[in-house]
Amino acid sequence: MKAKTGFLSLAEELRFYILNFLSCRDILRCTSVCKALRQTYMSSSELQYIVEMSGQRLLHVSNSDNGIPVSTRLQLLRDKAHAWFKFNPHSFETVLIKRASRLRQEVVAGGHVYLWNCDTDTAKIFPILSTPSQQQFQRNWPPGTLCSVPHSVPLDLVMDPAHNLIAVAYIVDNRSVCIKLGALDSDEVHPQAAGETLFLSDDSRNLLQTLRVKLKCFGRHIALWRRLGNDVWGSMDDDWLLQVWDWKHSTTSSVRFGLN
């Protein structure tokens, strides 16, 4: 008498191949038939990927995996789904901010809010939803304390709570632009900074009028974008200049891009 040939007697690779043609619902039904089929499902990242995609109501787009293994894509799907379970819908805080006529900055960064008022030359920082292990800063800068350089006017400001850093871009006598570095928790020079002031690289365009400035902090790098020249935005006479500093190691810019 010949032995019966059934689905479970097929090689595991063939079982994977056949089950791949089934829908998500049918694959799950097969896993409840017997332990062997359930083990087949648990051994296949491809089958689990099909079920996970369907469970999250996602459609598979062919030729979009960029060579990423199915097991890796499956883990990414599960991680994103599980992230929602960690979300606390009650972890919010309402912050009321009194509007000023020229409140230049309203930024949330590193569990803090920081504000800068151009009219009064004042700034403040305070914590919101910060973790117990995170350093917290709560401070006000009254007029004249952001930059004490004579004949200077602040142009932009950035705070980085993760690095205990406040940086102020200012212009002196409407010509020379510099960046002052300080600590959020004191009036001293930042202990990790290469110096108190970052200087722009020597360039003939420094003689042009600075019309607009934007200051950004990216960890150990600070970037300053300047628009120079004509007062009319978009004028063919406009120049722009972008300079980057490694503020912990040098007070001079190591990277510079420009257009004129």
C-alpha atoms as a PDB file:
ATOM      1  CA  MET A   1       0.000   0.000   0.000  1.00  0.00           C
ATOM      2  CA  LYS A   2       1.448   3.366  -1.040  1.00  0.00           C
ATOM      3  CA  ALA A   3       1.981   6.022   1.606  1.00  0.00           C
ATOM      4  CA  LYS A   4      -0.260   9.036   1.267  1.00  0.00           C
ATOM      5  CA  THR A   5       1.449  12.219   0.132  1.00  0.00           C
ATOM      6  CA  GLY A   6       0.061  15.245   1.971  1.00  0.00           C
ATOM      7  CA  PHE A   7       0.845  18.939   2.244  1.00  0.00           C
ATOM      8  CA  LEU A   8       2.867  18.491   5.417  1.00  0.00           C
ATOM      9  CA  SER A   9       5.115  15.944   3.741  1.00  0.00           C
ATOM     10  CA  LEU A  10       6.336  18.570   1.258  1.00  0.00           C
ATOM     11  CA  ALA A  11       9.656  20.296   1.763  1.00  0.00           C
ATOM     12  CA  GLU A  12       9.441  23.393   3.936  1.00  0.00           C
ATOM     13  CA  GLU A  13      10.452  25.650   1.040  1.00  0.00           C
ATOM     14  CA  LEU A  14       7.505  24.352  -1.025  1.00  0.00           C
ATOM     15  CA  ARG A  15       5.091  24.936   1.841  1.00  0.00           C
ATOM     16  CA  PHE A  16       6.340  28.528   2.133  1.00  0.00           C
ATOM     17  CA  TYR A  17       5.927  29.025  -1.605  1.00  0.00           C
ATOM     18  CA  ILE A  18       2.356  27.684  -1.687  1.00  0.00           C
ATOM     19  CA  LEU A  19       1.180  29.600   1.395  1.00  0.00           C
ATOM     20  CA  ASN A  20       2.516  32.832  -0.105  1.00  0.00           C
ATOM     21  CA  PHE A  21      -0.371  32.742  -2.605  1.00  0.00           C
ATOM     22  CA  LEU A  22      -2.951  32.831   0.190  1.00  0.00           C
ATOM     23  CA  SER A  23      -4.559  35.907   1.681  1.00  0.00           C
ATOM     24  CA  CYS A  24      -3.745  37.079   5.177  1.00  0.00           C
ATOM     25  CA  ARG A  25      -6.980  35.601   6.545  1.00  0.00           C
ATOM     26  CA  ASP A  26      -6.343  32.195   4.956  1.00  0.00           C
ATOM     27  CA  ILE A  27      -2.758  32.118   6.224  1.00  0.00           C
ATOM     28  CA  LEU A  28      -4.008  32.717   9.773  1.00  0.00           C
ATOM     29  CA  ARG A  29      -6.630  29.990   9.345  1.00  0.00           C
ATOM     30  CA  CYS A  30      -3.894  27.546   8.350  1.00  0.00           C
ATOM     31  CA  THR A  31      -1.943  28.308  11.527  1.00  0.00           C
ATOM     32  CA  SER A  32      -4.911  27.121  13.601  1.00  0.00           C
ATOM     33  CA  VAL A  33      -5.160  23.752  11.796  1.00  0.00           C
ATOM     34  CA  CYS A  34      -2.204  22.081  13.497  1.00  0.00           C
ATOM     35  CA  LYS A  35       1.104  22.734  15.229  1.00  0.00           C
ATOM     36  CA  ALA A  36       3.088  21.842  12.103  1.00  0.00           C
ATOM     37  CA  LEU A  37       1.444  24.564  10.007  1.00  0.00           C
ATOM     38  CA  ARG A  38       1.809  27.054  12.817  1.00  0.00           C
ATOM     39  CA  GLN A  39       5.516  26.230  12.996  1.00  0.00           C
ATOM     40  CA  THR A  40       5.719  26.721   9.235  1.00  0.00           C
ATOM     41  CA  TYR A  41       4.226  30.199   9.664  1.00  0.00           C
ATOM     42  CA  MET A  42       6.503  31.107  12.584  1.00  0.00           C
ATOM     43  CA  SER A  43       9.564  30.022  10.549  1.00  0.00           C
ATOM     44  CA  SER A  44       8.742  32.281   7.594  1.00  0.00           C
ATOM     45  CA  SER A  45       9.399  36.032   7.684  1.00  0.00           C
ATOM     46  CA  GLU A  46       7.652  36.301   4.303  1.00  0.00           C
ATOM     47  CA  LEU A  47       4.364  34.890   5.627  1.00  0.00           C
ATOM     48  CA  GLN A  48       4.524  37.020   8.757  1.00  0.00           C
ATOM     49  CA  TYR A  49       5.257  40.074   6.610  1.00  0.00           C
ATOM     50  CA  ILE A  50       2.105  39.428   4.556  1.00  0.00           C
ATOM     51  CA  VAL A  51       0.008  39.188   7.717  1.00  0.00           C
ATOM     52  CA  GLU A  52       1.617  42.274   9.300  1.00  0.00           C
ATOM     53  CA  MET A  53       1.076  44.362   6.170  1.00  0.00           C
ATOM     54  CA  SER A  54      -2.578  43.355   6.039  1.00  0.00           C
ATOM     55  CA  GLY A  55      -3.044  43.908   9.768  1.00  0.00           C
ATOM     56  CA  GLN A  56      -1.771  47.488   9.417  1.00  0.00           C
ATOM     57  CA  ARG A  57      -3.863  47.952   6.254  1.00  0.00           C
ATOM     58  CA  LEU A  58      -0.823  48.612   4.114  1.00  0.00           C
ATOM     59  CA  LEU A  59      -0.352  47.702   0.478  1.00  0.00           C
ATOM     60  CA  HIS A  60       2.857  46.139  -0.750  1.00  0.00           C
ATOM     61  CA  VAL A  61       4.485  48.116  -3.550  1.00  0.00           C
ATOM     62  CA  SER A  62       6.628  45.970  -5.799  1.00  0.00           C
ATOM     63  CA  ASN A  63      10.278  46.905  -6.403  1.00  0.00           C
ATOM     64  CA  SER A  64      10.266  49.255  -3.412  1.00  0.00           C
ATOM     65  CA  ASP A  65      12.260  47.212  -0.903  1.00  0.00           C
ATOM     66  CA  ASN A  66      15.689  48.453  -2.117  1.00  0.00           C
ATOM     67  CA  GLY A  67      17.201  45.058  -1.335  1.00  0.00           C
ATOM     68  CA  ILE A  68      16.228  45.188   2.352  1.00  0.00           C
ATOM     69  CA  PRO A  69      15.720  41.661   3.755  1.00  0.00           C
ATOM     70  CA  VAL A  70      12.126  40.685   4.547  1.00  0.00           C
ATOM     71  CA  SER A  71      13.072  40.014   8.166  1.00  0.00           C
ATOM     72  CA  THR A  72      14.330  43.595   8.531  1.00  0.00           C
ATOM     73  CA  ARG A  73      11.205  45.062   6.911  1.00  0.00           C
ATOM     74  CA  LEU A  74       9.045  42.929   9.195  1.00  0.00           C
ATOM     75  CA  GLN A  75      10.837  44.219  12.299  1.00  0.00           C
ATOM     76  CA  LEU A  76      10.472  47.831  11.129  1.00  0.00           C
ATOM     77  CA  LEU A  77       6.733  47.337  10.659  1.00  0.00           C
ATOM     78  CA  ARG A  78       6.369  45.853  14.125  1.00  0.00           C
ATOM     79  CA  ASP A  79       8.488  48.546  15.759  1.00  0.00           C
ATOM     80  CA  LYS A  80       6.362  51.296  14.229  1.00  0.00           C
ATOM     81  CA  ALA A  81       3.158  49.557  15.296  1.00  0.00           C
ATOM     82  CA  HIS A  82       4.417  49.034  18.859  1.00  0.00           C
ATOM     83  CA  ALA A  83       5.487  52.668  19.117  1.00  0.00           C
ATOM     84  CA  TRP A  84       1.835  53.658  19.281  1.00  0.00           C
ATOM     85  CA  PHE A  85       1.365  51.552  22.415  1.00  0.00           C
ATOM     86  CA  LYS A  86       4.090  53.601  24.121  1.00  0.00           C
ATOM     87  CA  PHE A  87       2.362  56.872  23.275  1.00  0.00           C
ATOM     88  CA  ASN A  88       0.798  58.530  26.299  1.00  0.00           C
ATOM     89  CA  PRO A  89      -2.210  60.624  25.199  1.00  0.00           C
ATOM     90  CA  HIS A  90      -2.046  62.481  28.518  1.00  0.00           C
ATOM     91  CA  SER A  91       1.598  63.555  28.080  1.00  0.00           C
ATOM     92  CA  PHE A  92       0.903  67.091  26.945  1.00  0.00           C
ATOM     93  CA  GLU A  93       1.120  70.505  28.452  1.00  0.00           C
ATOM     94  CA  THR A  94      -0.559  73.755  27.498  1.00  0.00           C
ATOM     95  CA  VAL A  95       1.747  76.757  27.557  1.00  0.00           C
ATOM     96  CA  LEU A  96       0.239  80.250  27.400  1.00  0.00           C
ATOM     97  CA  ILE A  97       2.577  82.787  25.837  1.00  0.00           C
ATOM     98  CA  LYS A  98       1.869  86.498  25.980  1.00  0.00           C
ATOM     99  CA  ARG A  99       2.325  87.828  22.470  1.00  0.00           C
ATOM    100  CA  ALA A 100       4.799  90.651  21.945  1.00  0.00           C
ATOM    101  CA  SER A 101       4.989  92.941  18.943  1.00  0.00           C
ATOM    102  CA  ARG A 102       8.199  91.399  17.615  1.00  0.00           C
ATOM    103  CA  LEU A 103       8.543  88.009  19.275  1.00  0.00           C
ATOM    104  CA  ARG A 104      11.201  86.674  16.918  1.00  0.00           C
ATOM    105  CA  GLN A 105      11.601  83.186  18.345  1.00  0.00           C
ATOM    106  CA  GLU A 106       9.112  80.701  19.744  1.00  0.00           C
ATOM    107  CA  VAL A 107      10.945  77.383  19.720  1.00  0.00           C
ATOM    108  CA  VAL A 108      10.393  74.016  21.393  1.00  0.00           C
ATOM    109  CA  ALA A 109      13.641  72.055  21.707  1.00  0.00           C
ATOM    110  CA  GLY A 110      14.968  69.383  24.048  1.00  0.00           C
ATOM    111  CA  GLY A 111      11.990  69.475  26.410  1.00  0.00           C
ATOM    112  CA  HIS A 112      12.156  73.273  26.692  1.00  0.00           C
ATOM    113  CA  VAL A 113      10.541  76.366  25.206  1.00  0.00           C
ATOM    114  CA  TYR A 114      12.701  79.385  24.495  1.00  0.00           C
ATOM    115  CA  LEU A 115      11.566  82.845  23.455  1.00  0.00           C
ATOM    116  CA  TRP A 116      13.339  85.921  22.155  1.00  0.00           C
ATOM    117  CA  ASN A 117      11.799  89.394  21.915  1.00  0.00           C
ATOM    118  CA  CYS A 118      13.450  91.787  19.458  1.00  0.00           C
ATOM    119  CA  ASP A 119      11.709  94.893  20.820  1.00  0.00           C
ATOM    120  CA  THR A 120      12.877  94.516  24.397  1.00  0.00           C
ATOM    121  CA  ASP A 121      16.091  92.547  23.659  1.00  0.00           C
ATOM    122  CA  THR A 122      15.007  89.914  26.182  1.00  0.00           C
ATOM    123  CA  ALA A 123      14.910  86.121  26.154  1.00  0.00           C
ATOM    124  CA  LYS A 124      13.730  83.302  28.371  1.00  0.00           C
ATOM    125  CA  ILE A 125      13.819  79.519  28.543  1.00  0.00           C
ATOM    126  CA  PHE A 126      11.744  77.126  30.644  1.00  0.00           C
ATOM    127  CA  PRO A 127      11.197  73.340  30.711  1.00  0.00           C
ATOM    128  CA  ILE A 128       8.102  71.485  29.491  1.00  0.00           C
ATOM    129  CA  LEU A 129       7.627  67.710  29.712  1.00  0.00           C
ATOM    130  CA  SER A 130      11.317  67.138  30.387  1.00  0.00           C
ATOM    131  CA  THR A 131      12.389  63.777  31.807  1.00  0.00           C
ATOM    132  CA  PRO A 132      13.828  63.478  35.362  1.00  0.00           C
ATOM    133  CA  SER A 133      17.242  62.513  33.964  1.00  0.00           C
ATOM    134  CA  GLN A 134      17.341  65.576  31.696  1.00  0.00           C
ATOM    135  CA  GLN A 135      19.050  68.788  32.755  1.00  0.00           C
ATOM    136  CA  GLN A 136      16.469  71.538  33.110  1.00  0.00           C
ATOM    137  CA  PHE A 137      16.939  75.245  32.449  1.00  0.00           C
ATOM    138  CA  GLN A 138      14.713  78.101  33.579  1.00  0.00           C
ATOM    139  CA  ARG A 139      16.137  81.542  33.057  1.00  0.00           C
ATOM    140  CA  ASN A 140      15.373  85.088  31.900  1.00  0.00           C
ATOM    141  CA  TRP A 141      17.775  87.417  30.093  1.00  0.00           C
ATOM    142  CA  PRO A 142      16.885  91.088  30.792  1.00  0.00           C
ATOM    143  CA  PRO A 143      17.703  93.865  28.289  1.00  0.00           C
ATOM    144  CA  GLY A 144      21.398  94.295  27.518  1.00  0.00           C
ATOM    145  CA  THR A 145      22.499  90.899  28.823  1.00  0.00           C
ATOM    146  CA  LEU A 146      22.295  88.839  25.621  1.00  0.00           C
ATOM    147  CA  CYS A 147      25.200  90.745  24.099  1.00  0.00           C
ATOM    148  CA  SER A 148      27.213  93.339  25.997  1.00  0.00           C
ATOM    149  CA  VAL A 149      29.466  94.338  23.073  1.00  0.00           C
ATOM    150  CA  PRO A 150      29.326  98.154  22.588  1.00  0.00           C
ATOM    151  CA  HIS A 151      27.394  99.424  19.536  1.00  0.00           C
ATOM    152  CA  SER A 152      26.082  95.900  18.793  1.00  0.00           C
ATOM    153  CA  VAL A 153      22.615  94.805  17.693  1.00  0.00           C
ATOM    154  CA  PRO A 154      21.433  91.167  18.085  1.00  0.00           C
ATOM    155  CA  LEU A 155      20.375  89.596  14.783  1.00  0.00           C
ATOM    156  CA  ASP A 156      19.360  86.077  15.748  1.00  0.00           C
ATOM    157  CA  LEU A 157      19.508  83.692  18.666  1.00  0.00           C
ATOM    158  CA  VAL A 158      19.499  79.930  19.176  1.00  0.00           C
ATOM    159  CA  MET A 159      19.456  77.781  22.325  1.00  0.00           C
ATOM    160  CA  ASP A 160      20.428  74.122  22.551  1.00  0.00           C
ATOM    161  CA  PRO A 161      19.471  72.596  25.933  1.00  0.00           C
ATOM    162  CA  ALA A 162      21.172  69.306  25.048  1.00  0.00           C
ATOM    163  CA  HIS A 163      24.528  71.127  24.975  1.00  0.00           C
ATOM    164  CA  ASN A 164      23.758  73.838  27.579  1.00  0.00           C
ATOM    165  CA  LEU A 165      24.373  76.382  24.819  1.00  0.00           C
ATOM    166  CA  ILE A 166      23.068  79.817  23.899  1.00  0.00           C
ATOM    167  CA  ALA A 167      24.438  81.473  20.750  1.00  0.00           C
ATOM    168  CA  VAL A 168      23.693  85.063  19.727  1.00  0.00           C
ATOM    169  CA  ALA A 169      24.519  86.452  16.288  1.00  0.00           C
ATOM    170  CA  TYR A 170      25.077  90.212  16.428  1.00  0.00           C
ATOM    171  CA  ILE A 171      26.339  93.028  14.238  1.00  0.00           C
ATOM    172  CA  VAL A 172      28.678  95.841  15.331  1.00  0.00           C
ATOM    173  CA  ASP A 173      28.506  99.288  13.698  1.00  0.00           C
ATOM    174  CA  ASN A 174      26.245  97.798  11.005  1.00  0.00           C
ATOM    175  CA  ARG A 175      29.224  95.956   9.471  1.00  0.00           C
ATOM    176  CA  SER A 176      30.971  93.222  11.454  1.00  0.00           C
ATOM    177  CA  VAL A 177      28.921  90.133  12.247  1.00  0.00           C
ATOM    178  CA  CYS A 178      29.992  87.795  15.073  1.00  0.00           C
ATOM    179  CA  ILE A 179      28.480  85.027  17.208  1.00  0.00           C
ATOM    180  CA  LYS A 180      28.678  85.047  20.992  1.00  0.00           C
ATOM    181  CA  LEU A 181      28.616  81.680  22.802  1.00  0.00           C
ATOM    182  CA  GLY A 182      27.445  81.225  26.358  1.00  0.00           C
ATOM    183  CA  ALA A 183      26.053  78.689  28.792  1.00  0.00           C
ATOM    184  CA  LEU A 184      22.364  78.448  29.624  1.00  0.00           C
ATOM    185  CA  ASP A 185      23.041  77.895  33.318  1.00  0.00           C
ATOM    186  CA  SER A 186      25.511  80.735  33.908  1.00  0.00           C
ATOM    187  CA  ASP A 187      26.865  84.053  32.609  1.00  0.00           C
ATOM    188  CA  GLU A 188      30.247  82.501  31.884  1.00  0.00           C
ATOM    189  CA  VAL A 189      31.777  81.392  28.598  1.00  0.00           C
ATOM    190  CA  HIS A 190      30.594  77.927  27.644  1.00  0.00           C
ATOM    191  CA  PRO A 191      33.099  75.505  29.247  1.00  0.00           C
ATOM    192  CA  GLN A 192      33.394  73.392  26.091  1.00  0.00           C
ATOM    193  CA  ALA A 193      33.603  76.259  23.588  1.00  0.00           C
ATOM    194  CA  ALA A 194      36.845  77.048  21.780  1.00  0.00           C
ATOM    195  CA  GLY A 195      36.255  80.696  22.666  1.00  0.00           C
ATOM    196  CA  GLU A 196      33.576  83.219  23.586  1.00  0.00           C
ATOM    197  CA  THR A 197      33.185  84.586  20.048  1.00  0.00           C
ATOM    198  CA  LEU A 198      32.940  82.965  16.621  1.00  0.00           C
ATOM    199  CA  PHE A 199      34.363  85.112  13.840  1.00  0.00           C
ATOM    200  CA  LEU A 200      33.445  85.177  10.170  1.00  0.00           C
ATOM    201  CA  SER A 201      36.084  84.238   7.634  1.00  0.00           C
ATOM    202  CA  ASP A 202      37.855  87.125   5.929  1.00  0.00           C
ATOM    203  CA  ASP A 203      35.942  87.917   2.763  1.00  0.00           C
ATOM    204  CA  SER A 204      35.397  91.029   0.699  1.00  0.00           C
ATOM    205  CA  ARG A 205      31.647  90.398   0.990  1.00  0.00           C
ATOM    206  CA  ASN A 206      31.861  91.184   4.710  1.00  0.00           C
ATOM    207  CA  LEU A 207      31.958  94.816   3.556  1.00  0.00           C
ATOM    208  CA  LEU A 208      28.458  94.445   2.093  1.00  0.00           C
ATOM    209  CA  GLN A 209      25.406  95.266   4.168  1.00  0.00           C
ATOM    210  CA  THR A 210      23.950  92.317   6.087  1.00  0.00           C
ATOM    211  CA  LEU A 211      20.222  92.349   5.391  1.00  0.00           C
ATOM    212  CA  ARG A 212      19.052  89.088   6.927  1.00  0.00           C
ATOM    213  CA  VAL A 213      20.517  86.429   9.224  1.00  0.00           C
ATOM    214  CA  LYS A 214      19.519  82.931  10.306  1.00  0.00           C
ATOM    215  CA  LEU A 215      21.392  81.032  13.004  1.00  0.00           C
ATOM    216  CA  LYS A 216      21.125  77.242  13.505  1.00  0.00           C
ATOM    217  CA  CYS A 217      22.765  74.769  15.878  1.00  0.00           C
ATOM    218  CA  PHE A 218      23.418  71.130  14.920  1.00  0.00           C
ATOM    219  CA  GLY A 219      25.146  69.570  17.913  1.00  0.00           C
ATOM    220  CA  ARG A 220      28.814  70.547  17.764  1.00  0.00           C
ATOM    221  CA  HIS A 221      28.268  72.626  14.620  1.00  0.00           C
ATOM    222  CA  ILE A 222      26.777  76.102  14.300  1.00  0.00           C
ATOM    223  CA  ALA A 223      25.650  77.468  10.942  1.00  0.00           C
ATOM    224  CA  LEU A 224      25.028  81.101  10.012  1.00  0.00           C
ATOM    225  CA  TRP A 225      23.203  82.097   6.822  1.00  0.00           C
ATOM    226  CA  ARG A 226      23.419  85.728   5.717  1.00  0.00           C
ATOM    227  CA  ARG A 227      21.774  87.656   2.927  1.00  0.00           C
ATOM    228  CA  LEU A 228      23.917  90.543   1.772  1.00  0.00           C
ATOM    229  CA  GLY A 229      23.691  93.543  -0.503  1.00  0.00           C
ATOM    230  CA  ASN A 230      20.577  95.175  -1.923  1.00  0.00           C
ATOM    231  CA  ASP A 231      17.563  96.032   0.264  1.00  0.00           C
ATOM    232  CA  VAL A 232      15.141  94.568  -2.313  1.00  0.00           C
ATOM    233  CA  TRP A 233      14.467  90.852  -1.748  1.00  0.00           C
ATOM    234  CA  GLY A 234      15.363  88.756  -4.772  1.00  0.00           C
ATOM    235  CA  SER A 235      17.427  91.494  -6.365  1.00  0.00           C
ATOM    236  CA  MET A 236      20.075  90.363  -8.849  1.00  0.00           C
ATOM    237  CA  ASP A 237      22.588  92.270  -6.715  1.00  0.00           C
ATOM    238  CA  ASP A 238      21.942  90.045  -3.669  1.00  0.00           C
ATOM    239  CA  ASP A 239      24.605  87.724  -2.290  1.00  0.00           C
ATOM    240  CA  TRP A 240      24.127  85.007   0.281  1.00  0.00           C
ATOM    241  CA  LEU A 241      26.717  83.331   2.430  1.00  0.00           C
ATOM    242  CA  LEU A 242      26.556  80.217   4.610  1.00  0.00           C
ATOM    243  CA  GLN A 243      29.315  79.508   7.123  1.00  0.00           C
ATOM    244  CA  VAL A 244      29.711  76.596   9.559  1.00  0.00           C
ATOM    245  CA  TRP A 245      31.769  76.396  12.763  1.00  0.00           C
ATOM    246  CA  ASP A 246      32.864  73.447  14.867  1.00  0.00           C
ATOM    247  CA  TRP A 247      32.322  75.594  17.945  1.00  0.00           C
ATOM    248  CA  LYS A 248      33.994  73.228  20.396  1.00  0.00           C
ATOM    249  CA  HIS A 249      37.278  73.222  18.476  1.00  0.00           C
ATOM    250  CA  SER A 250      37.616  76.478  16.535  1.00  0.00           C
ATOM    251  CA  THR A 251      36.416  80.099  16.574  1.00  0.00           C
ATOM    252  CA  THR A 252      36.843  80.432  12.809  1.00  0.00           C
ATOM    253  CA  SER A 253      34.591  78.968  10.140  1.00  0.00           C
ATOM    254  CA  SER A 254      35.845  75.779   8.489  1.00  0.00           C
ATOM    255  CA  VAL A 255      33.091  75.494   5.849  1.00  0.00           C
ATOM    256  CA  ARG A 256      31.755  78.267   3.653  1.00  0.00           C
ATOM    257  CA  PHE A 257      29.295  78.370   0.773  1.00  0.00           C
ATOM    258  CA  GLY A 258      28.258  81.442  -1.138  1.00  0.00           C
ATOM    259  CA  LEU A 259      26.446  82.777  -4.159  1.00  0.00           C
ATOM    260  CA  ASN A 260      26.991  86.123  -5.795  1.00  0.00           C
END
